[in-house]
Protein backbone atom coordinates (compact mmCIF):
# COMPACT_ATOMS: atom_id res chain seq x y z
CA MET A 1 86.14 -37.43 -52.48
CA ARG A 2 84.99 -40.80 -53.84
CA PHE A 3 82.78 -40.60 -56.92
CA SER A 4 80.66 -43.40 -58.36
CA SER A 5 82.08 -46.01 -60.72
CA ARG A 6 79.11 -45.55 -63.06
CA VAL A 7 80.66 -42.67 -65.01
CA ASP A 8 83.14 -43.68 -67.71
CA ILE A 9 86.10 -41.30 -67.62
CA SER A 10 88.51 -43.53 -69.51
CA GLU A 11 91.17 -41.99 -71.76
CA PRO A 12 89.71 -40.78 -75.09
CA ASN A 13 90.80 -42.49 -78.29
CA PRO A 14 93.35 -40.78 -80.60
CA ILE A 15 90.68 -39.41 -82.95
CA ALA A 16 88.70 -37.85 -80.10
CA LYS A 17 91.94 -36.31 -78.79
CA ALA A 18 92.76 -34.85 -82.20
CA GLU A 19 89.24 -33.40 -82.52
CA ALA A 20 89.51 -31.82 -79.07
CA THR A 21 92.90 -30.32 -79.93
CA ALA A 22 91.51 -28.82 -83.14
CA LYS A 23 88.53 -27.38 -81.28
CA THR A 24 90.78 -25.80 -78.64
CA ALA A 25 92.90 -24.27 -81.40
CA GLY A 26 89.82 -22.84 -83.10
CA ARG A 27 90.33 -25.01 -86.19
CA PRO A 28 87.00 -26.22 -87.63
CA LEU A 29 86.87 -29.79 -88.89
CA GLY A 30 84.53 -31.28 -91.45
CA LYS A 31 82.95 -34.60 -90.45
CA LEU A 32 82.10 -37.48 -92.75
CA ASN A 33 79.57 -38.71 -90.19
CA ASP A 34 77.87 -35.39 -89.39
CA SER A 35 74.25 -36.37 -88.72
CA ASN A 36 73.07 -33.00 -87.37
CA PRO A 37 70.31 -32.02 -89.84
CA THR A 38 70.41 -28.35 -88.82
CA ARG A 39 73.91 -28.06 -90.36
CA HIS A 40 72.63 -29.32 -93.72
CA ALA A 41 69.80 -26.84 -94.41
CA LEU A 42 67.21 -29.30 -93.11
CA ALA A 43 66.05 -27.52 -89.97
CA PRO A 44 62.28 -26.77 -89.98
CA ASP A 45 61.23 -23.19 -90.64
CA LEU A 46 59.67 -22.96 -87.18
CA VAL A 47 63.01 -23.86 -85.54
CA PRO A 48 65.61 -22.59 -88.01
CA ASP A 49 68.65 -22.35 -85.71
CA ILE A 50 71.76 -24.44 -86.19
CA TYR A 51 72.03 -26.70 -83.17
CA SER A 52 75.36 -26.92 -81.38
CA ALA A 53 75.34 -29.25 -78.39
CA ASP A 54 76.85 -27.98 -75.13
CA PRO A 55 76.55 -30.51 -72.29
CA ARG A 56 76.47 -27.83 -69.59
CA GLY A 57 73.84 -25.79 -71.41
CA GLN A 58 74.26 -23.14 -74.07
CA ARG A 59 77.16 -20.83 -73.25
CA TYR A 60 75.19 -17.60 -73.71
CA ALA A 61 72.54 -18.88 -71.30
CA ARG A 62 75.14 -19.84 -68.67
CA GLU A 63 76.82 -16.45 -69.01
CA ALA A 64 73.50 -14.66 -68.48
CA LEU A 65 72.70 -16.89 -65.49
CA ALA A 66 76.16 -16.39 -63.95
CA ALA A 67 75.81 -12.61 -64.28
CA PHE A 68 72.39 -12.78 -62.62
CA LEU A 69 73.69 -14.93 -59.74
CA ASP A 70 76.64 -12.57 -59.26
CA MET A 71 74.14 -9.79 -58.59
CA GLN A 72 72.58 -11.85 -55.76
CA GLY A 73 75.57 -11.09 -53.55
CA ILE A 74 76.63 -14.69 -52.92
CA GLY A 75 80.11 -14.43 -54.37
CA HIS A 76 81.44 -14.79 -57.89
CA CYS A 77 79.77 -17.40 -60.08
CA SER A 78 81.53 -18.57 -63.24
CA PRO A 79 79.55 -19.85 -66.25
CA ASP A 80 81.88 -22.86 -66.14
CA ASP A 81 80.51 -23.82 -62.70
CA LEU A 82 76.93 -24.03 -63.96
CA TYR A 83 74.92 -26.85 -65.51
CA ILE A 84 71.53 -25.90 -66.94
CA LEU A 85 68.98 -28.67 -67.23
CA SER A 86 65.23 -29.16 -67.23
CA SER A 87 64.50 -29.32 -63.49
CA THR A 88 65.94 -29.75 -60.02
CA SER A 89 64.45 -33.25 -60.04
CA GLU A 90 66.72 -34.07 -62.97
CA ALA A 91 69.59 -32.46 -61.08
CA TYR A 92 69.04 -34.83 -58.14
CA SER A 93 69.15 -37.77 -60.53
CA TRP A 94 72.38 -36.61 -62.15
CA LEU A 95 74.08 -35.96 -58.82
CA ILE A 96 73.12 -39.34 -57.40
CA LYS A 97 74.57 -40.93 -60.55
CA LEU A 98 77.73 -38.86 -60.05
CA LEU A 99 78.22 -39.65 -56.38
CA CYS A 100 76.60 -43.01 -55.65
CA ASP A 101 76.96 -46.58 -56.78
CA ALA A 102 74.04 -48.97 -56.32
CA GLY A 103 73.66 -49.71 -52.62
CA ASP A 104 75.19 -46.41 -51.50
CA ALA A 105 73.08 -43.90 -49.59
CA VAL A 106 72.22 -40.22 -49.28
CA LEU A 107 71.17 -38.41 -46.11
CA ALA A 108 68.00 -36.34 -46.49
CA PRO A 109 65.78 -34.43 -44.04
CA LYS A 110 62.53 -35.49 -42.46
CA PRO A 111 59.95 -34.02 -42.32
CA GLY A 112 60.42 -33.43 -46.01
CA TYR A 113 59.03 -33.80 -49.48
CA PRO A 114 59.07 -37.46 -50.63
CA LEU A 115 60.65 -36.70 -54.01
CA ILE A 116 64.24 -37.36 -52.93
CA GLU A 117 63.50 -40.84 -51.63
CA SER A 118 61.68 -41.72 -54.84
CA ILE A 119 64.52 -40.50 -57.08
CA ALA A 120 67.12 -42.29 -54.95
CA ARG A 121 65.15 -45.51 -55.24
CA LEU A 122 65.05 -45.17 -59.03
CA GLU A 123 68.86 -44.90 -58.93
CA CYS A 124 69.12 -48.05 -56.72
CA VAL A 125 70.37 -45.88 -53.85
CA ASP A 126 69.05 -45.76 -50.29
CA MET A 127 67.85 -42.64 -48.54
CA ILE A 128 68.74 -42.42 -44.85
CA GLU A 129 66.68 -39.81 -43.05
CA TYR A 130 67.87 -37.29 -40.50
CA GLN A 131 65.41 -35.41 -38.35
CA GLN A 132 64.47 -31.80 -38.22
CA ARG A 133 63.10 -31.16 -34.76
CA PHE A 134 60.68 -28.51 -33.54
CA ASP A 135 61.09 -26.54 -30.32
CA GLY A 136 59.29 -23.32 -31.10
CA SER A 137 61.24 -23.31 -34.38
CA TRP A 138 62.76 -26.04 -36.52
CA TYR A 139 66.40 -27.09 -36.22
CA ILE A 140 68.67 -29.81 -37.61
CA ASP A 141 69.86 -32.43 -35.15
CA VAL A 142 73.56 -32.15 -36.01
CA ALA A 143 74.47 -34.78 -33.40
CA GLU A 144 72.25 -37.24 -35.26
CA LEU A 145 74.02 -36.40 -38.51
CA LYS A 146 77.39 -37.02 -36.89
CA ALA A 147 76.20 -40.35 -35.50
CA ALA A 148 74.94 -41.41 -38.94
CA LEU A 149 78.21 -40.52 -40.66
CA GLU A 150 80.24 -42.36 -38.03
CA GLY A 151 77.86 -45.31 -37.66
CA ALA A 152 77.41 -48.63 -39.42
CA ASP A 153 76.09 -47.02 -42.62
CA GLY A 154 78.63 -44.20 -42.67
CA GLY A 155 80.74 -45.78 -45.38
CA ARG A 156 77.73 -45.93 -47.73
CA ILE A 157 76.74 -42.28 -47.33
CA ARG A 158 77.99 -40.26 -50.30
CA ALA A 159 75.87 -37.08 -50.09
CA LEU A 160 73.93 -35.00 -47.60
CA VAL A 161 70.86 -33.14 -48.83
CA LEU A 162 70.03 -29.76 -47.30
CA ILE A 163 66.76 -28.04 -48.24
CA ASN A 164 67.26 -24.32 -47.62
CA PRO A 165 64.50 -23.54 -46.67
CA ASN A 166 62.86 -26.89 -46.12
CA ASN A 167 59.48 -27.88 -47.50
CA PRO A 168 57.08 -28.06 -45.70
CA THR A 169 58.69 -26.94 -42.42
CA GLY A 170 59.96 -23.67 -43.95
CA SER A 171 63.20 -23.74 -41.94
CA TYR A 172 66.46 -22.26 -43.24
CA VAL A 173 69.86 -23.78 -42.44
CA LYS A 174 71.16 -21.76 -39.49
CA PRO A 175 74.75 -20.41 -39.53
CA SER A 176 75.85 -22.67 -36.67
CA GLU A 177 74.28 -25.69 -38.37
CA ARG A 178 75.99 -24.83 -41.63
CA GLU A 179 79.40 -24.52 -40.02
CA ALA A 180 79.04 -27.88 -38.28
CA ILE A 181 77.63 -29.67 -41.34
CA VAL A 182 80.30 -28.38 -43.72
CA GLY A 183 82.94 -29.58 -41.28
CA LEU A 184 81.36 -33.03 -40.99
CA CYS A 185 81.05 -33.39 -44.76
CA ARG A 186 84.65 -32.34 -45.31
CA GLU A 187 85.84 -34.77 -42.63
CA HIS A 188 83.89 -37.71 -44.05
CA ASP A 189 84.30 -36.94 -47.80
CA VAL A 190 80.57 -36.44 -48.26
CA ALA A 191 79.20 -33.97 -50.81
CA ILE A 192 76.47 -31.44 -50.03
CA ILE A 193 73.42 -31.17 -52.28
CA ALA A 194 71.75 -27.85 -51.36
CA ASP A 195 68.23 -27.41 -52.72
CA GLU A 196 67.57 -23.65 -52.54
CA VAL A 197 64.56 -23.25 -54.81
CA PHE A 198 62.50 -21.53 -52.07
CA TYR A 199 65.36 -19.40 -50.73
CA ASP A 200 64.03 -16.00 -51.86
CA TYR A 201 60.66 -16.43 -50.14
CA ASP A 202 61.51 -15.48 -46.57
CA LEU A 203 58.50 -15.25 -44.26
CA GLU A 204 59.46 -15.24 -40.56
CA PRO A 205 63.23 -15.79 -40.77
CA PHE A 206 65.93 -15.59 -38.13
CA ASP A 207 69.01 -13.44 -38.73
CA GLY A 208 72.07 -14.79 -40.50
CA ASN A 209 70.55 -16.97 -43.20
CA ALA A 210 72.62 -17.41 -46.35
CA ARG A 211 72.64 -19.49 -49.49
CA LEU A 212 74.91 -22.50 -49.60
CA ALA A 213 75.57 -21.77 -53.29
CA GLY A 214 79.25 -20.92 -53.59
CA GLU A 215 80.25 -22.76 -50.38
CA THR A 216 84.00 -23.52 -50.53
CA GLY A 217 84.49 -25.61 -47.39
CA ALA A 218 83.12 -28.84 -48.89
CA LEU A 219 82.11 -30.05 -52.34
CA THR A 220 78.70 -28.45 -52.83
CA PHE A 221 76.06 -28.69 -55.53
CA ALA A 222 73.48 -25.89 -55.19
CA LEU A 223 70.16 -26.37 -56.99
CA ASP A 224 67.73 -23.70 -58.12
CA GLY A 225 65.44 -22.98 -61.04
CA PHE A 226 62.60 -21.05 -62.63
CA SER A 227 59.91 -23.31 -61.16
CA LYS A 228 60.00 -21.29 -57.92
CA MET A 229 62.02 -18.18 -58.85
CA LEU A 230 59.56 -17.27 -61.62
CA ALA A 231 56.63 -19.34 -60.32
CA ALA A 232 56.96 -21.03 -63.70
CA PRO A 233 57.17 -24.84 -63.39
CA HIS A 234 56.20 -25.05 -67.06
CA ALA A 235 59.38 -23.20 -68.09
CA LYS A 236 61.36 -26.38 -67.26
CA VAL A 237 64.65 -24.69 -66.40
CA GLY A 238 66.81 -25.65 -63.44
CA TRP A 239 70.51 -25.49 -62.71
CA ILE A 240 73.37 -26.86 -60.65
CA GLN A 241 76.10 -24.57 -59.32
CA VAL A 242 79.27 -26.45 -58.34
CA SER A 243 81.62 -25.12 -55.66
CA GLY A 244 84.08 -26.34 -53.05
CA PRO A 245 87.77 -27.25 -52.88
CA ALA A 246 89.33 -26.65 -56.31
CA GLU A 247 90.57 -30.21 -56.98
CA GLU A 248 87.25 -31.78 -55.99
CA VAL A 249 85.31 -29.28 -58.10
CA ALA A 250 87.47 -30.01 -61.14
CA GLU A 251 87.05 -33.77 -60.78
CA ALA A 252 83.31 -33.46 -60.15
CA LYS A 253 82.85 -31.36 -63.29
CA ARG A 254 84.95 -33.75 -65.37
CA ARG A 255 82.58 -36.56 -64.44
CA LEU A 256 79.41 -34.48 -64.51
CA ASP A 257 80.28 -33.46 -68.08
CA VAL A 258 79.99 -37.12 -69.11
CA ILE A 259 76.51 -37.40 -67.59
CA ALA A 260 75.43 -34.08 -69.12
CA ASP A 261 76.74 -35.10 -72.54
CA ASP A 262 74.71 -38.30 -72.43
CA TYR A 263 71.45 -36.41 -71.74
CA LEU A 264 71.84 -32.97 -73.40
CA PRO A 265 68.56 -31.82 -71.81
CA MET A 266 68.45 -28.11 -72.62
CA SER A 267 66.28 -27.10 -75.55
CA GLU A 268 67.61 -24.28 -77.74
CA ILE A 269 64.07 -22.94 -77.90
CA VAL A 270 63.98 -22.56 -74.13
CA ALA A 271 67.63 -21.52 -73.74
CA LYS A 272 67.17 -18.51 -76.03
CA ARG A 273 64.59 -17.11 -73.60
CA ILE A 274 66.68 -17.55 -70.45
CA PRO A 275 68.33 -14.06 -70.57
CA GLU A 276 64.95 -12.35 -70.94
CA LEU A 277 63.36 -14.53 -68.23
CA LEU A 278 66.19 -13.65 -65.85
CA GLN A 279 65.43 -9.96 -66.39
CA ALA A 280 61.85 -10.64 -65.32
CA ALA A 281 62.87 -12.68 -62.26
CA PRO A 282 63.18 -9.91 -59.61
CA THR A 283 59.74 -8.49 -60.38
CA GLN A 284 58.09 -11.89 -60.51
CA THR A 285 59.78 -13.10 -57.32
CA GLU A 286 58.60 -9.97 -55.50
CA ARG A 287 55.08 -10.52 -56.79
CA VAL A 288 54.99 -14.04 -55.36
CA ARG A 289 56.68 -12.90 -52.13
CA GLU A 290 53.97 -10.29 -51.57
CA ARG A 291 51.27 -12.92 -52.10
CA VAL A 292 52.68 -15.50 -49.67
CA ARG A 293 53.48 -12.91 -47.00
CA GLY A 294 50.02 -11.39 -47.30
CA ASN A 295 48.33 -14.77 -46.98
CA LEU A 296 50.48 -15.70 -43.99
CA ALA A 297 49.42 -12.47 -42.25
CA ALA A 298 45.79 -13.27 -43.06
CA LEU A 299 46.25 -16.78 -41.67
CA HIS A 300 47.55 -15.42 -38.37
CA ASP A 301 44.63 -12.98 -38.16
CA MET A 302 42.05 -15.69 -38.85
CA LEU A 303 43.49 -18.15 -36.36
CA ASP A 304 44.01 -15.50 -33.68
CA SER A 305 40.38 -14.40 -33.98
CA ASP A 306 38.92 -17.92 -33.98
CA GLY A 307 37.02 -18.41 -30.75
CA GLN A 308 37.63 -22.15 -30.55
CA GLY A 309 41.41 -21.85 -30.99
CA LEU A 310 41.75 -25.46 -32.13
CA VAL A 311 44.01 -24.74 -35.12
CA SER A 312 47.42 -23.05 -34.97
CA VAL A 313 50.30 -22.51 -37.38
CA LEU A 314 53.92 -23.46 -36.82
CA ARG A 315 56.53 -20.79 -37.40
CA ALA A 316 57.49 -20.75 -41.07
CA GLU A 317 60.78 -19.05 -41.84
CA GLY A 318 60.45 -19.28 -45.62
CA GLY A 319 58.82 -20.96 -48.62
CA TRP A 320 55.32 -21.23 -50.02
CA ASN A 321 53.79 -23.70 -47.57
CA VAL A 322 53.13 -23.74 -43.85
CA LEU A 323 52.12 -26.45 -41.41
CA LEU A 324 48.88 -26.17 -39.49
CA ARG A 325 48.61 -27.89 -36.11
CA VAL A 326 45.27 -29.52 -35.36
CA PRO A 327 44.24 -31.54 -32.29
CA SER A 328 46.08 -34.84 -32.38
CA VAL A 329 42.93 -36.71 -31.33
CA ILE A 330 41.72 -36.15 -34.90
CA ASP A 331 42.97 -38.75 -37.35
CA GLU A 332 44.65 -36.95 -40.27
CA ASN A 333 42.98 -39.18 -42.86
CA GLU A 334 39.59 -38.57 -41.27
CA LEU A 335 40.18 -34.82 -41.36
CA VAL A 336 41.07 -34.69 -45.06
CA LEU A 337 38.35 -37.16 -46.07
CA ARG A 338 35.76 -35.06 -44.21
CA MET A 339 37.03 -31.94 -46.01
CA ILE A 340 36.62 -33.73 -49.34
CA GLU A 341 33.13 -34.99 -48.48
CA ARG A 342 31.69 -31.80 -46.97
CA HIS A 343 33.59 -29.03 -48.75
CA GLY A 344 35.10 -30.50 -51.92
CA VAL A 345 38.61 -29.61 -50.75
CA SER A 346 41.54 -32.03 -50.37
CA GLY A 347 44.88 -31.58 -48.61
CA GLN A 348 48.18 -33.15 -47.57
CA PRO A 349 48.34 -34.35 -43.96
CA GLY A 350 51.54 -34.44 -41.96
CA TYR A 351 52.25 -38.11 -42.52
CA PHE A 352 52.73 -37.39 -46.24
CA PHE A 353 55.94 -35.65 -45.13
CA ASP A 354 56.87 -38.19 -42.42
CA MET A 355 55.98 -36.00 -39.48
CA THR A 356 56.74 -37.98 -36.34
CA SER A 357 53.31 -37.45 -34.75
CA ASN A 358 49.68 -37.00 -35.74
CA GLY A 359 47.88 -33.67 -36.10
CA TYR A 360 49.39 -31.67 -38.97
CA LEU A 361 48.14 -30.35 -42.29
CA ALA A 362 50.14 -28.50 -44.97
CA ILE A 363 48.55 -25.47 -46.59
CA SER A 364 49.80 -23.46 -49.58
CA LEU A 365 50.20 -19.70 -49.31
CA LEU A 366 49.92 -19.22 -53.09
CA PRO A 367 46.14 -18.97 -53.72
CA GLU A 368 44.48 -15.66 -54.37
CA PRO A 369 43.49 -14.05 -51.04
CA ASP A 370 39.77 -14.88 -51.14
CA ASP A 371 40.48 -18.48 -52.13
CA PHE A 372 43.12 -18.76 -49.42
CA ARG A 373 40.77 -17.50 -46.71
CA ARG A 374 38.15 -19.97 -47.92
CA ASN A 375 40.67 -22.82 -47.60
CA VAL A 376 41.55 -21.79 -44.06
CA ARG A 377 37.87 -21.57 -43.17
CA VAL A 378 37.35 -25.11 -44.49
CA VAL A 379 40.08 -26.45 -42.19
CA VAL A 380 38.85 -24.55 -39.12
CA ASP A 381 35.19 -25.52 -39.69
CA THR A 382 36.04 -29.18 -40.33
CA VAL A 383 38.14 -29.39 -37.17
CA ASP A 384 35.29 -27.81 -35.18
CA GLU A 385 32.85 -30.36 -36.66
CA LEU A 386 35.06 -33.31 -35.75
CA ILE A 387 35.74 -32.11 -32.21
CA GLY A 388 32.05 -31.37 -31.77
């Protein structure tokens, strides 16, 4: 596995070595240059704790998170394989720094959320898209992935992003796709970045879905966080779980530690609440799951009973969003602008996600049931108006 040249992993100086040796031996050292005010009785009364920086996130928080992940039945998770940070967006940024030099590239799915391309651009890295295709359900074109890895840009590709399940298509990575992709990544020394924030919200899944977290066949960085698990984007807690061949994992963590130490993103105030928030996670996840499943059932009922039959919904295996299909003779911009003008409701058309053809609209399954039905009615009525 080739990592980026941006991370300085040069040999530490003799003083740093001596400090590390003392720490390992459990021998505390005084420091003439200690500039941590919390160790000198200067912490504010509202935040009285003594701050001790841990690049991977506070140990007690990682231990609680590892125990929680162990209970998910995806294999053993060690606290030492976890990095806690403020969001999965930050995780993408760190991992691109870890894996890519300027001018390198990552493979990411289309249709898909535009965040990855934007973050890659900020890191001076290109995003090369691979297609998810629809034939009654969504699937990954593995042959296209193979062609990309073996083509002219193959030498620049350092990571492959899998969204499991994808947003907005809602498709999980199928077992056969996973087997083929892991093999390709291992063969071409490409790391997998598996974004699994929506994993627990299965809607109309096929059998055999599984998390990529804990994958051992190729170097894998699995992303998750409280934004979706707890429906709490304001909690600002995400994490990276590192797995794969032992030597590659060790080298990846050695370099990722440098990045983490430069940023130290995890607040002690937030970290102290992580164990308690994890206890609340199963109940909160089930609460959201009931909402999105209920609204999806209502959506099917409304569309099935609509006499015009101009709007349909694509099969959504998981997530919070689904794609509505509207007649392709309607311009997507015209549809949304008419919704804004007549009903005071906006939306995200398919081209926001790089759909390959016209006639799609994403709709969230999160609103309260009455609000959700009203949103669906707006779409159906506006389509009827435009078709005439």
